Amino acid sequence: MRIVIPGGSGQVGTVLARDFHRAGHEVVVLSRTPAAAPWRVMQWDGENQGDWGEAIDGADAVINLAGRTVNCRYTPQNRASILNSRGDCC
């Protein structure tokens, strides 16, 4: 299977990518700050079409982890920012 993980360069995405990769799946992580990994990592910004669109086309699964971190105090402002980041980024 080809599994694409937008926003997958953080802790959760890395664990998922590693496990899927070890199981023999093709893994593509989309990241604003790509770094070397045993799986494919592509630059993206979540707003502008780029080469990463081809990775999503025909993917067997897309696990969207993009958006503002939830590792913060849940003030009304932070909650709104978390929710908006998930709609605005994709």
PDB file of N, CA and C in Angstrom:
ATOM      1  N   MET A   1       0.838  -1.186   0.000  1.00  0.00           N
ATOM      2  CA  MET A   1       0.000   0.000   0.000  1.00  0.00           C
ATOM      3  C   MET A   1       0.877   1.241   0.000  1.00  0.00           C
ATOM      4  N   ARG A   2       0.380   2.310  -0.630  1.00  0.00           N
ATOM      5  CA  ARG A   2       1.050   3.609  -0.517  1.00  0.00           C
ATOM      6  C   ARG A   2       0.277   4.434   0.495  1.00  0.00           C
ATOM      7  N   ILE A   3       0.967   4.845   1.553  1.00  0.00           N
ATOM      8  CA  ILE A   3       0.367   5.599   2.642  1.00  0.00           C
ATOM      9  C   ILE A   3       1.032   6.966   2.693  1.00  0.00           C
ATOM     10  N   VAL A   4       0.224   8.018   2.608  1.00  0.00           N
ATOM     11  CA  VAL A   4       0.727   9.393   2.636  1.00  0.00           C
ATOM     12  C   VAL A   4       0.327  10.010   3.965  1.00  0.00           C
ATOM     13  N   ILE A   5       1.300  10.679   4.608  1.00  0.00           N
ATOM     14  CA  ILE A   5       1.051  11.273   5.925  1.00  0.00           C
ATOM     15  C   ILE A   5       1.407  12.763   5.882  1.00  0.00           C
ATOM     16  N   PRO A   6       0.426  13.638   5.535  1.00  0.00           N
ATOM     17  CA  PRO A   6       0.682  15.078   5.623  1.00  0.00           C
ATOM     18  C   PRO A   6       0.901  15.478   7.077  1.00  0.00           C
ATOM     19  N   GLY A   7       1.927  16.281   7.327  1.00  0.00           N
ATOM     20  CA  GLY A   7       2.240  16.683   8.696  1.00  0.00           C
ATOM     21  C   GLY A   7       2.815  15.541   9.506  1.00  0.00           C
ATOM     22  N   GLY A   8       3.430  14.589   8.841  1.00  0.00           N
ATOM     23  CA  GLY A   8       3.894  13.385   9.510  1.00  0.00           C
ATOM     24  C   GLY A   8       5.310  13.409  10.015  1.00  0.00           C
ATOM     25  N   SER A   9       5.906  14.582  10.159  1.00  0.00           N
ATOM     26  CA  SER A   9       7.297  14.627  10.624  1.00  0.00           C
ATOM     27  C   SER A   9       7.419  14.750  12.143  1.00  0.00           C
ATOM     28  N   GLY A  10       6.308  14.828  12.835  1.00  0.00           N
ATOM     29  CA  GLY A  10       6.340  14.909  14.300  1.00  0.00           C
ATOM     30  C   GLY A  10       6.392  13.530  14.935  1.00  0.00           C
ATOM     31  N   GLN A  11       6.152  13.502  16.224  1.00  0.00           N
ATOM     32  CA  GLN A  11       6.277  12.263  16.993  1.00  0.00           C
ATOM     33  C   GLN A  11       5.307  11.184  16.512  1.00  0.00           C
ATOM     34  N   VAL A  12       4.042  11.501  16.402  1.00  0.00           N
ATOM     35  CA  VAL A  12       3.044  10.505  15.996  1.00  0.00           C
ATOM     36  C   VAL A  12       3.295  10.057  14.556  1.00  0.00           C
ATOM     37  N   GLY A  13       3.555  11.008  13.670  1.00  0.00           N
ATOM     38  CA  GLY A  13       3.800  10.670  12.271  1.00  0.00           C
ATOM     39  C   GLY A  13       5.023   9.804  12.089  1.00  0.00           C
ATOM     40  N   THR A  14       6.071  10.077  12.839  1.00  0.00           N
ATOM     41  CA  THR A  14       7.292   9.275  12.738  1.00  0.00           C
ATOM     42  C   THR A  14       7.050   7.842  13.188  1.00  0.00           C
ATOM     43  N   VAL A  15       6.295   7.665  14.261  1.00  0.00           N
ATOM     44  CA  VAL A  15       5.974   6.310  14.733  1.00  0.00           C
ATOM     45  C   VAL A  15       5.161   5.569  13.676  1.00  0.00           C
ATOM     46  N   LEU A  16       4.148   6.233  13.125  1.00  0.00           N
ATOM     47  CA  LEU A  16       3.329   5.597  12.096  1.00  0.00           C
ATOM     48  C   LEU A  16       4.156   5.263  10.858  1.00  0.00           C
ATOM     49  N   ALA A  17       4.945   6.238  10.385  1.00  0.00           N
ATOM     50  CA  ALA A  17       5.756   6.019   9.185  1.00  0.00           C
ATOM     51  C   ALA A  17       6.720   4.859   9.393  1.00  0.00           C
ATOM     52  N   ARG A  18       7.366   4.821  10.527  1.00  0.00           N
ATOM     53  CA  ARG A  18       8.321   3.743  10.817  1.00  0.00           C
ATOM     54  C   ARG A  18       7.639   2.379  10.787  1.00  0.00           C
ATOM     55  N   ASP A  19       6.487   2.275  11.428  1.00  0.00           N
ATOM     56  CA  ASP A  19       5.785   0.987  11.483  1.00  0.00           C
ATOM     57  C   ASP A  19       5.271   0.560  10.118  1.00  0.00           C
ATOM     58  N   PHE A  20       4.697   1.493   9.367  1.00  0.00           N
ATOM     59  CA  PHE A  20       4.221   1.158   8.024  1.00  0.00           C
ATOM     60  C   PHE A  20       5.386   0.783   7.111  1.00  0.00           C
ATOM     61  N   HIS A  21       6.490   1.507   7.225  1.00  0.00           N
ATOM     62  CA  HIS A  21       7.679   1.228   6.413  1.00  0.00           C
ATOM     63  C   HIS A  21       8.232  -0.166   6.734  1.00  0.00           C
ATOM     64  N   ARG A  22       8.327  -0.473   8.004  1.00  0.00           N
ATOM     65  CA  ARG A  22       8.821  -1.798   8.425  1.00  0.00           C
ATOM     66  C   ARG A  22       7.915  -2.930   7.926  1.00  0.00           C
ATOM     67  N   ALA A  23       6.628  -2.637   7.796  1.00  0.00           N
ATOM     68  CA  ALA A  23       5.675  -3.645   7.323  1.00  0.00           C
ATOM     69  C   ALA A  23       5.713  -3.792   5.799  1.00  0.00           C
ATOM     70  N   GLY A  24       6.571  -2.997   5.147  1.00  0.00           N
ATOM     71  CA  GLY A  24       6.743  -3.137   3.707  1.00  0.00           C
ATOM     72  C   GLY A  24       5.896  -2.210   2.853  1.00  0.00           C
ATOM     73  N   HIS A  25       5.221  -1.262   3.469  1.00  0.00           N
ATOM     74  CA  HIS A  25       4.400  -0.320   2.715  1.00  0.00           C
ATOM     75  C   HIS A  25       5.248   0.837   2.199  1.00  0.00           C
ATOM     76  N   GLU A  26       4.796   1.437   1.113  1.00  0.00           N
ATOM     77  CA  GLU A  26       5.429   2.654   0.601  1.00  0.00           C
ATOM     78  C   GLU A  26       4.878   3.818   1.415  1.00  0.00           C
ATOM     79  N   VAL A  27       5.748   4.554   2.062  1.00  0.00           N
ATOM     80  CA  VAL A  27       5.331   5.659   2.929  1.00  0.00           C
ATOM     81  C   VAL A  27       5.859   6.965   2.351  1.00  0.00           C
ATOM     82  N   VAL A  28       4.977   7.965   2.292  1.00  0.00           N
ATOM     83  CA  VAL A  28       5.362   9.310   1.866  1.00  0.00           C
ATOM     84  C   VAL A  28       4.912  10.268   2.957  1.00  0.00           C
ATOM     85  N   VAL A  29       5.854  10.979   3.554  1.00  0.00           N
ATOM     86  CA  VAL A  29       5.551  11.996   4.563  1.00  0.00           C
ATOM     87  C   VAL A  29       5.647  13.352   3.892  1.00  0.00           C
ATOM     88  N   LEU A  30       4.628  14.173   4.066  1.00  0.00           N
ATOM     89  CA  LEU A  30       4.632  15.542   3.556  1.00  0.00           C
ATOM     90  C   LEU A  30       4.951  16.470   4.714  1.00  0.00           C
ATOM     91  N   SER A  31       5.982  17.302   4.530  1.00  0.00           N
ATOM     92  CA  SER A  31       6.470  18.108   5.641  1.00  0.00           C
ATOM     93  C   SER A  31       6.885  19.494   5.166  1.00  0.00           C
ATOM     94  N   ARG A  32       6.670  20.492   6.010  1.00  0.00           N
ATOM     95  CA  ARG A  32       7.168  21.840   5.718  1.00  0.00           C
ATOM     96  C   ARG A  32       8.678  21.903   5.870  1.00  0.00           C
ATOM     97  N   THR A  33       9.220  21.021   6.702  1.00  0.00           N
ATOM     98  CA  THR A  33      10.668  20.978   6.934  1.00  0.00           C
ATOM     99  C   THR A  33      11.174  19.552   6.728  1.00  0.00           C
ATOM    100  N   PRO A  34      11.329  19.145   5.469  1.00  0.00           N
ATOM    101  CA  PRO A  34      11.733  17.761   5.202  1.00  0.00           C
ATOM    102  C   PRO A  34      13.123  17.446   5.758  1.00  0.00           C
ATOM    103  N   ALA A  35      13.259  16.241   6.251  1.00  0.00           N
ATOM    104  CA  ALA A  35      14.538  15.744   6.760  1.00  0.00           C
ATOM    105  C   ALA A  35      14.718  14.317   6.255  1.00  0.00           C
ATOM    106  N   ALA A  36      15.948  13.866   6.243  1.00  0.00           N
ATOM    107  CA  ALA A  36      16.246  12.515   5.769  1.00  0.00           C
ATOM    108  C   ALA A  36      15.534  11.478   6.633  1.00  0.00           C
ATOM    109  N   ALA A  37      15.001  10.458   5.969  1.00  0.00           N
ATOM    110  CA  ALA A  37      14.305   9.364   6.656  1.00  0.00           C
ATOM    111  C   ALA A  37      14.388   8.132   5.769  1.00  0.00           C
ATOM    112  N   PRO A  38      14.136   6.952   6.321  1.00  0.00           N
ATOM    113  CA  PRO A  38      14.158   5.734   5.513  1.00  0.00           C
ATOM    114  C   PRO A  38      13.010   5.680   4.497  1.00  0.00           C
ATOM    115  N   TRP A  39      11.999   6.510   4.656  1.00  0.00           N
ATOM    116  CA  TRP A  39      10.869   6.593   3.740  1.00  0.00           C
ATOM    117  C   TRP A  39      10.965   7.902   2.982  1.00  0.00           C
ATOM    118  N   ARG A  40      10.097   8.072   2.003  1.00  0.00           N
ATOM    119  CA  ARG A  40      10.118   9.284   1.174  1.00  0.00           C
ATOM    120  C   ARG A  40       9.522  10.452   1.953  1.00  0.00           C
ATOM    121  N   VAL A  41      10.202  11.597   1.919  1.00  0.00           N
ATOM    122  CA  VAL A  41       9.722  12.822   2.558  1.00  0.00           C
ATOM    123  C   VAL A  41       9.704  13.906   1.491  1.00  0.00           C
ATOM    124  N   MET A  42       8.571  14.598   1.364  1.00  0.00           N
ATOM    125  CA  MET A  42       8.410  15.633   0.352  1.00  0.00           C
ATOM    126  C   MET A  42       8.059  16.965   1.000  1.00  0.00           C
ATOM    127  N   GLN A  43       8.572  18.024   0.412  1.00  0.00           N
ATOM    128  CA  GLN A  43       8.261  19.395   0.845  1.00  0.00           C
ATOM    129  C   GLN A  43       6.819  19.723   0.466  1.00  0.00           C
ATOM    130  N   TRP A  44       6.101  20.391   1.366  1.00  0.00           N
ATOM    131  CA  TRP A  44       4.758  20.873   1.053  1.00  0.00           C
ATOM    132  C   TRP A  44       4.391  22.007   1.985  1.00  0.00           C
ATOM    133  N   ASP A  45       3.361  22.771   1.621  1.00  0.00           N
ATOM    134  CA  ASP A  45       2.878  23.814   2.517  1.00  0.00           C
ATOM    135  C   ASP A  45       1.386  23.664   2.809  1.00  0.00           C
ATOM    136  N   GLY A  46       0.742  22.680   2.200  1.00  0.00           N
ATOM    137  CA  GLY A  46      -0.661  22.421   2.466  1.00  0.00           C
ATOM    138  C   GLY A  46      -1.625  23.363   1.779  1.00  0.00           C
ATOM    139  N   GLU A  47      -1.112  24.367   1.091  1.00  0.00           N
ATOM    140  CA  GLU A  47      -1.983  25.324   0.424  1.00  0.00           C
ATOM    141  C   GLU A  47      -1.759  25.386  -1.078  1.00  0.00           C
ATOM    142  N   ASN A  48      -0.512  25.282  -1.495  1.00  0.00           N
ATOM    143  CA  ASN A  48      -0.173  25.429  -2.910  1.00  0.00           C
ATOM    144  C   ASN A  48       0.133  24.072  -3.525  1.00  0.00           C
ATOM    145  N   GLN A  49      -0.451  23.843  -4.692  1.00  0.00           N
ATOM    146  CA  GLN A  49      -0.230  22.581  -5.385  1.00  0.00           C
ATOM    147  C   GLN A  49       1.246  22.448  -5.753  1.00  0.00           C
ATOM    148  N   GLY A  50       1.770  21.265  -5.585  1.00  0.00           N
ATOM    149  CA  GLY A  50       3.155  20.980  -5.928  1.00  0.00           C
ATOM    150  C   GLY A  50       3.285  19.531  -6.328  1.00  0.00           C
ATOM    151  N   ASP A  51       4.513  19.056  -6.408  1.00  0.00           N
ATOM    152  CA  ASP A  51       4.757  17.663  -6.770  1.00  0.00           C
ATOM    153  C   ASP A  51       4.113  16.699  -5.777  1.00  0.00           C
ATOM    154  N   TRP A  52       3.901  17.154  -4.555  1.00  0.00           N
ATOM    155  CA  TRP A  52       3.311  16.292  -3.532  1.00  0.00           C
ATOM    156  C   TRP A  52       1.899  15.850  -3.891  1.00  0.00           C
ATOM    157  N   GLY A  53       1.219  16.577  -4.754  1.00  0.00           N
ATOM    158  CA  GLY A  53      -0.126  16.184  -5.167  1.00  0.00           C
ATOM    159  C   GLY A  53      -0.141  14.822  -5.837  1.00  0.00           C
ATOM    160  N   GLU A  54       0.929  14.525  -6.557  1.00  0.00           N
ATOM    161  CA  GLU A  54       1.036  13.225  -7.215  1.00  0.00           C
ATOM    162  C   GLU A  54       1.139  12.093  -6.203  1.00  0.00           C
ATOM    163  N   ALA A  55       1.732  12.362  -5.054  1.00  0.00           N
ATOM    164  CA  ALA A  55       1.846  11.332  -4.019  1.00  0.00           C
ATOM    165  C   ALA A  55       0.478  10.995  -3.445  1.00  0.00           C
ATOM    166  N   ILE A  56      -0.378  11.999  -3.322  1.00  0.00           N
ATOM    167  CA  ILE A  56      -1.714  11.770  -2.773  1.00  0.00           C
ATOM    168  C   ILE A  56      -2.609  11.077  -3.794  1.00  0.00           C
ATOM    169  N   ASP A  57      -2.493  11.483  -5.076  1.00  0.00           N
ATOM    170  CA  ASP A  57      -3.304  10.852  -6.124  1.00  0.00           C
ATOM    171  C   ASP A  57      -3.019   9.360  -6.178  1.00  0.00           C
ATOM    172  N   GLY A  58      -4.035   8.575  -5.998  1.00  0.00           N
ATOM    173  CA  GLY A  58      -3.890   7.128  -6.071  1.00  0.00           C
ATOM    174  C   GLY A  58      -3.372   6.474  -4.807  1.00  0.00           C
ATOM    175  N   ALA A  59      -3.179   7.258  -3.740  1.00  0.00           N
ATOM    176  CA  ALA A  59      -2.718   6.660  -2.474  1.00  0.00           C
ATOM    177  C   ALA A  59      -3.792   5.737  -1.925  1.00  0.00           C
ATOM    178  N   ASP A  60      -3.360   4.697  -1.258  1.00  0.00           N
ATOM    179  CA  ASP A  60      -4.304   3.776  -0.626  1.00  0.00           C
ATOM    180  C   ASP A  60      -4.855   4.349   0.676  1.00  0.00           C
ATOM    181  N   ALA A  61      -4.053   5.188   1.343  1.00  0.00           N
ATOM    182  CA  ALA A  61      -4.497   5.811   2.598  1.00  0.00           C
ATOM    183  C   ALA A  61      -3.788   7.148   2.766  1.00  0.00           C
ATOM    184  N   VAL A  62      -4.509   8.115   3.315  1.00  0.00           N
ATOM    185  CA  VAL A  62      -3.936   9.408   3.683  1.00  0.00           C
ATOM    186  C   VAL A  62      -4.291   9.637   5.148  1.00  0.00           C
ATOM    187  N   ILE A  63      -3.268   9.831   5.963  1.00  0.00           N
ATOM    188  CA  ILE A  63      -3.462  10.076   7.395  1.00  0.00           C
ATOM    189  C   ILE A  63      -3.028  11.516   7.646  1.00  0.00           C
ATOM    190  N   ASN A  64      -3.991  12.414   7.812  1.00  0.00           N
ATOM    191  CA  ASN A  64      -3.693  13.834   7.926  1.00  0.00           C
ATOM    192  C   ASN A  64      -3.360  14.200   9.370  1.00  0.00           C
ATOM    193  N   LEU A  65      -2.096  14.536   9.609  1.00  0.00           N
ATOM    194  CA  LEU A  65      -1.650  14.987  10.924  1.00  0.00           C
ATOM    195  C   LEU A  65      -1.265  16.460  10.900  1.00  0.00           C
ATOM    196  N   ALA A  66      -1.569  17.142   9.803  1.00  0.00           N
ATOM    197  CA  ALA A  66      -1.183  18.547   9.660  1.00  0.00           C
ATOM    198  C   ALA A  66      -2.035  19.429  10.557  1.00  0.00           C
ATOM    199  N   GLY A  67      -1.456  20.500  11.011  1.00  0.00           N
ATOM    200  CA  GLY A  67      -2.173  21.478  11.813  1.00  0.00           C
ATOM    201  C   GLY A  67      -1.375  21.867  13.043  1.00  0.00           C
ATOM    202  N   ARG A  68      -1.900  22.837  13.751  1.00  0.00           N
ATOM    203  CA  ARG A  68      -1.231  23.344  14.944  1.00  0.00           C
ATOM    204  C   ARG A  68      -1.112  22.235  15.981  1.00  0.00           C
ATOM    205  N   THR A  69      -0.014  22.251  16.698  1.00  0.00           N
ATOM    206  CA  THR A  69       0.202  21.250  17.742  1.00  0.00           C
ATOM    207  C   THR A  69      -0.888  21.330  18.810  1.00  0.00           C
ATOM    208  N   VAL A  70      -1.235  20.194  19.368  1.00  0.00           N
ATOM    209  CA  VAL A  70      -2.203  20.155  20.464  1.00  0.00           C
ATOM    210  C   VAL A  70      -1.489  20.141  21.809  1.00  0.00           C
ATOM    211  N   ASN A  71      -0.170  20.226  21.776  1.00  0.00           N
ATOM    212  CA  ASN A  71       0.637  20.238  22.990  1.00  0.00           C
ATOM    213  C   ASN A  71       0.711  21.667  23.527  1.00  0.00           C
ATOM    214  N   CYS A  72      -0.384  22.122  24.114  1.00  0.00           N
ATOM    215  CA  CYS A  72      -0.475  23.485  24.645  1.00  0.00           C
ATOM    216  C   CYS A  72      -1.608  23.540  25.661  1.00  0.00           C
ATOM    217  N   ARG A  73      -1.720  24.675  26.323  1.00  0.00           N
ATOM    218  CA  ARG A  73      -2.859  24.881  27.218  1.00  0.00           C
ATOM    219  C   ARG A  73      -4.094  25.103  26.362  1.00  0.00           C
ATOM    220  N   TYR A  74      -5.195  24.528  26.767  1.00  0.00           N
ATOM    221  CA  TYR A  74      -6.421  24.613  25.976  1.00  0.00           C
ATOM    222  C   TYR A  74      -7.232  25.860  26.338  1.00  0.00           C
ATOM    223  N   THR A  75      -6.632  27.004  26.066  1.00  0.00           N
ATOM    224  CA  THR A  75      -7.348  28.265  26.231  1.00  0.00           C
ATOM    225  C   THR A  75      -8.328  28.394  25.063  1.00  0.00           C
ATOM    226  N   PRO A  76      -9.303  29.275  25.180  1.00  0.00           N
ATOM    227  CA  PRO A  76     -10.225  29.465  24.046  1.00  0.00           C
ATOM    228  C   PRO A  76      -9.484  29.848  22.751  1.00  0.00           C
ATOM    229  N   GLN A  77      -8.453  30.663  22.869  1.00  0.00           N
ATOM    230  CA  GLN A  77      -7.694  31.067  21.681  1.00  0.00           C
ATOM    231  C   GLN A  77      -6.947  29.885  21.071  1.00  0.00           C
ATOM    232  N   ASN A  78      -6.318  29.076  21.912  1.00  0.00           N
ATOM    233  CA  ASN A  78      -5.580  27.913  21.408  1.00  0.00           C
ATOM    234  C   ASN A  78      -6.522  26.878  20.801  1.00  0.00           C
ATOM    235  N   ARG A  79      -7.666  26.668  21.421  1.00  0.00           N
ATOM    236  CA  ARG A  79      -8.635  25.714  20.862  1.00  0.00           C
ATOM    237  C   ARG A  79      -9.078  26.162  19.475  1.00  0.00           C
ATOM    238  N   ALA A  80      -9.366  27.439  19.343  1.00  0.00           N
ATOM    239  CA  ALA A  80      -9.787  27.967  18.039  1.00  0.00           C
ATOM    240  C   ALA A  80      -8.667  27.813  17.017  1.00  0.00           C
ATOM    241  N   SER A  81      -7.444  28.094  17.433  1.00  0.00           N
ATOM    242  CA  SER A  81      -6.299  27.964  16.532  1.00  0.00           C
ATOM    243  C   SER A  81      -6.102  26.517  16.086  1.00  0.00           C
ATOM    244  N   ILE A  82      -6.257  25.574  17.001  1.00  0.00           N
ATOM    245  CA  ILE A  82      -6.124  24.153  16.667  1.00  0.00           C
ATOM    246  C   ILE A  82      -7.179  23.756  15.653  1.00  0.00           C
ATOM    247  N   LEU A  83      -8.429  24.098  15.914  1.00  0.00           N
ATOM    248  CA  LEU A  83      -9.508  23.739  14.999  1.00  0.00           C
ATOM    249  C   LEU A  83      -9.347  24.400  13.633  1.00  0.00           C
ATOM    250  N   ASN A  84      -9.028  25.685  13.618  1.00  0.00           N
ATOM    251  CA  ASN A  84      -8.859  26.397  12.347  1.00  0.00           C
ATOM    252  C   ASN A  84      -7.694  25.865  11.540  1.00  0.00           C
ATOM    253  N   SER A  85      -6.628  25.438  12.203  1.00  0.00           N
ATOM    254  CA  SER A  85      -5.459  24.957  11.471  1.00  0.00           C
ATOM    255  C   SER A  85      -5.763  23.675  10.714  1.00  0.00           C
ATOM    256  N   ARG A  86      -6.695  22.903  11.179  1.00  0.00           N
ATOM    257  CA  ARG A  86      -7.035  21.663  10.486  1.00  0.00           C
ATOM    258  C   ARG A  86      -7.880  21.917   9.258  1.00  0.00           C
ATOM    259  N   GLY A  87      -8.667  22.961   9.265  1.00  0.00           N
ATOM    260  CA  GLY A  87      -9.482  23.306   8.092  1.00  0.00           C
ATOM    261  C   GLY A  87      -8.736  24.168   7.107  1.00  0.00           C
ATOM    262  N   ASP A  88      -7.904  25.065   7.604  1.00  0.00           N
ATOM    263  CA  ASP A  88      -7.197  26.007   6.751  1.00  0.00           C
ATOM    264  C   ASP A  88      -6.055  25.363   5.984  1.00  0.00           C
ATOM    265  N   CYS A  89      -5.461  24.305   6.526  1.00  0.00           N
ATOM    266  CA  CYS A  89      -4.248  23.760   5.930  1.00  0.00           C
ATOM    267  C   CYS A  89      -4.526  22.834   4.749  1.00  0.00           C
ATOM    268  N   CYS A  90      -5.734  22.375   4.610  1.00  0.00           N
ATOM    269  CA  CYS A  90      -5.961  21.315   3.615  1.00  0.00           C
ATOM    270  C   CYS A  90      -7.043  21.660   2.651  1.00  0.00           C
TER     271      CYS A  90
END
